[in-house]
Amino acid sequence: MGLNKETAAQLAEARLAEWRRNGHDEWRAMLDDKETRLVVGEDGRRYAVVSYAIDDGEGRVRMSVLVDDGGSSALVPLVRDEIMSPDGTFIT
């Protein structure tokens, strides 16, 4: 059974929603750091949710969230990201 993309997307969006409540300084503090959470999805399967920030240039910070179920999806995880400008606005 492959990655349940709907559940993985929900987990990624939930993690990004947590980060959206933080300001630019908190996002910058996450640079060069990585957080991994093991989460049970609504489908009862266990997922790894990895989040990290990278400098996107000109003061912008990109927060990326990768989700996989430990199977072959670990090689090509579902990815969602968000970019915040120095003034705290999001770039779409």
C-alpha atoms as a PDB file:
ATOM      1  CA  MET A   1       0.000   0.000   0.000  1.00  0.00           C
ATOM      2  CA  GLY A   2       1.435   3.396  -0.973  1.00  0.00           C
ATOM      3  CA  LEU A   3       1.428   6.684   0.831  1.00  0.00           C
ATOM      4  CA  ASN A   4      -2.039   7.982   1.664  1.00  0.00           C
ATOM      5  CA  LYS A   5      -1.499  11.386   0.060  1.00  0.00           C
ATOM      6  CA  GLU A   6      -4.669  12.904   1.520  1.00  0.00           C
ATOM      7  CA  THR A   7      -3.678  12.049   5.094  1.00  0.00           C
ATOM      8  CA  ALA A   8      -0.057  13.081   4.467  1.00  0.00           C
ATOM      9  CA  ALA A   9      -1.208  16.436   3.068  1.00  0.00           C
ATOM     10  CA  GLN A  10      -3.434  17.016   6.104  1.00  0.00           C
ATOM     11  CA  LEU A  11      -0.492  16.349   8.424  1.00  0.00           C
ATOM     12  CA  ALA A  12       1.786  18.676   6.454  1.00  0.00           C
ATOM     13  CA  GLU A  13      -0.790  21.464   6.383  1.00  0.00           C
ATOM     14  CA  ALA A  14      -1.434  21.070  10.119  1.00  0.00           C
ATOM     15  CA  ARG A  15       2.293  21.465  10.818  1.00  0.00           C
ATOM     16  CA  LEU A  16       2.522  24.539   8.582  1.00  0.00           C
ATOM     17  CA  ALA A  17      -0.527  26.004  10.341  1.00  0.00           C
ATOM     18  CA  GLU A  18       1.399  25.749  13.622  1.00  0.00           C
ATOM     19  CA  TRP A  19       4.322  27.625  12.072  1.00  0.00           C
ATOM     20  CA  ARG A  20       2.070  30.310  10.550  1.00  0.00           C
ATOM     21  CA  ARG A  21       1.254  31.443  14.093  1.00  0.00           C
ATOM     22  CA  ASN A  22       4.925  32.305  14.626  1.00  0.00           C
ATOM     23  CA  GLY A  23       6.733  35.391  13.456  1.00  0.00           C
ATOM     24  CA  HIS A  24       9.725  35.852  11.211  1.00  0.00           C
ATOM     25  CA  ASP A  25      12.177  35.734  14.149  1.00  0.00           C
ATOM     26  CA  GLU A  26      10.924  32.287  15.176  1.00  0.00           C
ATOM     27  CA  TRP A  27      11.238  31.071  11.595  1.00  0.00           C
ATOM     28  CA  ARG A  28      14.816  32.404  11.406  1.00  0.00           C
ATOM     29  CA  ALA A  29      15.612  30.653  14.683  1.00  0.00           C
ATOM     30  CA  MET A  30      14.691  27.371  13.001  1.00  0.00           C
ATOM     31  CA  LEU A  31      17.377  27.808  10.286  1.00  0.00           C
ATOM     32  CA  ASP A  32      19.889  24.962  10.253  1.00  0.00           C
ATOM     33  CA  ASP A  33      17.632  22.912  12.526  1.00  0.00           C
ATOM     34  CA  LYS A  34      15.252  20.063  11.822  1.00  0.00           C
ATOM     35  CA  GLU A  35      12.330  18.665  13.771  1.00  0.00           C
ATOM     36  CA  THR A  36      10.928  15.173  13.287  1.00  0.00           C
ATOM     37  CA  ARG A  37       7.627  14.046  14.739  1.00  0.00           C
ATOM     38  CA  LEU A  38       6.123  10.585  14.542  1.00  0.00           C
ATOM     39  CA  VAL A  39       2.370  11.020  14.178  1.00  0.00           C
ATOM     40  CA  VAL A  40      -0.549   8.638  13.784  1.00  0.00           C
ATOM     41  CA  GLY A  41      -2.791   9.832  10.973  1.00  0.00           C
ATOM     42  CA  GLU A  42      -6.580   9.604  10.769  1.00  0.00           C
ATOM     43  CA  ASP A  43      -6.099   6.396   8.791  1.00  0.00           C
ATOM     44  CA  GLY A  44      -4.341   4.768  11.774  1.00  0.00           C
ATOM     45  CA  ARG A  45      -0.956   4.625  10.038  1.00  0.00           C
ATOM     46  CA  ARG A  46       2.226   6.104  11.471  1.00  0.00           C
ATOM     47  CA  TYR A  47       3.883   8.984   9.610  1.00  0.00           C
ATOM     48  CA  ALA A  48       7.139  10.861   9.984  1.00  0.00           C
ATOM     49  CA  VAL A  49       6.576  14.617   9.761  1.00  0.00           C
ATOM     50  CA  VAL A  50       9.850  16.476   9.243  1.00  0.00           C
ATOM     51  CA  SER A  51       9.995  20.271   9.276  1.00  0.00           C
ATOM     52  CA  TYR A  52      12.934  22.568   8.676  1.00  0.00           C
ATOM     53  CA  ALA A  53      13.664  26.113   7.552  1.00  0.00           C
ATOM     54  CA  ILE A  54      16.129  27.367   4.974  1.00  0.00           C
ATOM     55  CA  ASP A  55      17.242  30.857   4.031  1.00  0.00           C
ATOM     56  CA  ASP A  56      15.422  31.686   0.788  1.00  0.00           C
ATOM     57  CA  GLY A  57      17.445  34.833   0.112  1.00  0.00           C
ATOM     58  CA  GLU A  58      16.833  38.524   0.761  1.00  0.00           C
ATOM     59  CA  GLY A  59      15.692  37.797   4.333  1.00  0.00           C
ATOM     60  CA  ARG A  60      12.985  35.331   3.316  1.00  0.00           C
ATOM     61  CA  VAL A  61      12.643  32.031   5.143  1.00  0.00           C
ATOM     62  CA  ARG A  62      11.195  28.887   3.573  1.00  0.00           C
ATOM     63  CA  MET A  63       9.606  26.409   5.964  1.00  0.00           C
ATOM     64  CA  SER A  64       9.390  22.944   4.418  1.00  0.00           C
ATOM     65  CA  VAL A  65       7.426  19.996   5.756  1.00  0.00           C
ATOM     66  CA  LEU A  66       8.024  16.471   4.461  1.00  0.00           C
ATOM     67  CA  VAL A  67       5.721  13.563   5.287  1.00  0.00           C
ATOM     68  CA  ASP A  68       6.320   9.869   4.670  1.00  0.00           C
ATOM     69  CA  ASP A  69       4.954   6.602   6.019  1.00  0.00           C
ATOM     70  CA  GLY A  70       8.295   4.847   6.360  1.00  0.00           C
ATOM     71  CA  GLY A  71       7.807   2.764   3.225  1.00  0.00           C
ATOM     72  CA  SER A  72       8.935   3.673  -0.246  1.00  0.00           C
ATOM     73  CA  SER A  73       7.494   7.166   0.341  1.00  0.00           C
ATOM     74  CA  ALA A  74      10.582   7.851   2.470  1.00  0.00           C
ATOM     75  CA  LEU A  75      12.468   8.129  -0.825  1.00  0.00           C
ATOM     76  CA  VAL A  76       9.961  10.600  -2.290  1.00  0.00           C
ATOM     77  CA  PRO A  77       7.984  12.143   0.574  1.00  0.00           C
ATOM     78  CA  LEU A  78       5.041  14.493   0.221  1.00  0.00           C
ATOM     79  CA  VAL A  79       6.382  18.052   0.515  1.00  0.00           C
ATOM     80  CA  ARG A  80       4.610  21.281   1.412  1.00  0.00           C
ATOM     81  CA  ASP A  81       6.280  24.615   2.058  1.00  0.00           C
ATOM     82  CA  GLU A  82       5.615  28.218   2.917  1.00  0.00           C
ATOM     83  CA  ILE A  83       7.804  31.296   2.461  1.00  0.00           C
ATOM     84  CA  MET A  84       7.779  34.244   4.860  1.00  0.00           C
ATOM     85  CA  SER A  85       9.166  37.688   4.040  1.00  0.00           C
ATOM     86  CA  PRO A  86      11.064  39.705   6.641  1.00  0.00           C
ATOM     87  CA  ASP A  87       7.937  41.805   7.251  1.00  0.00           C
ATOM     88  CA  GLY A  88       6.007  38.672   8.295  1.00  0.00           C
ATOM     89  CA  THR A  89       3.886  38.329   5.151  1.00  0.00           C
ATOM     90  CA  PHE A  90       3.666  35.072   3.252  1.00  0.00           C
ATOM     91  CA  ILE A  91       4.682  34.735  -0.370  1.00  0.00           C
ATOM     92  CA  THR A  92       2.294  32.694  -2.483  1.00  0.00           C
END
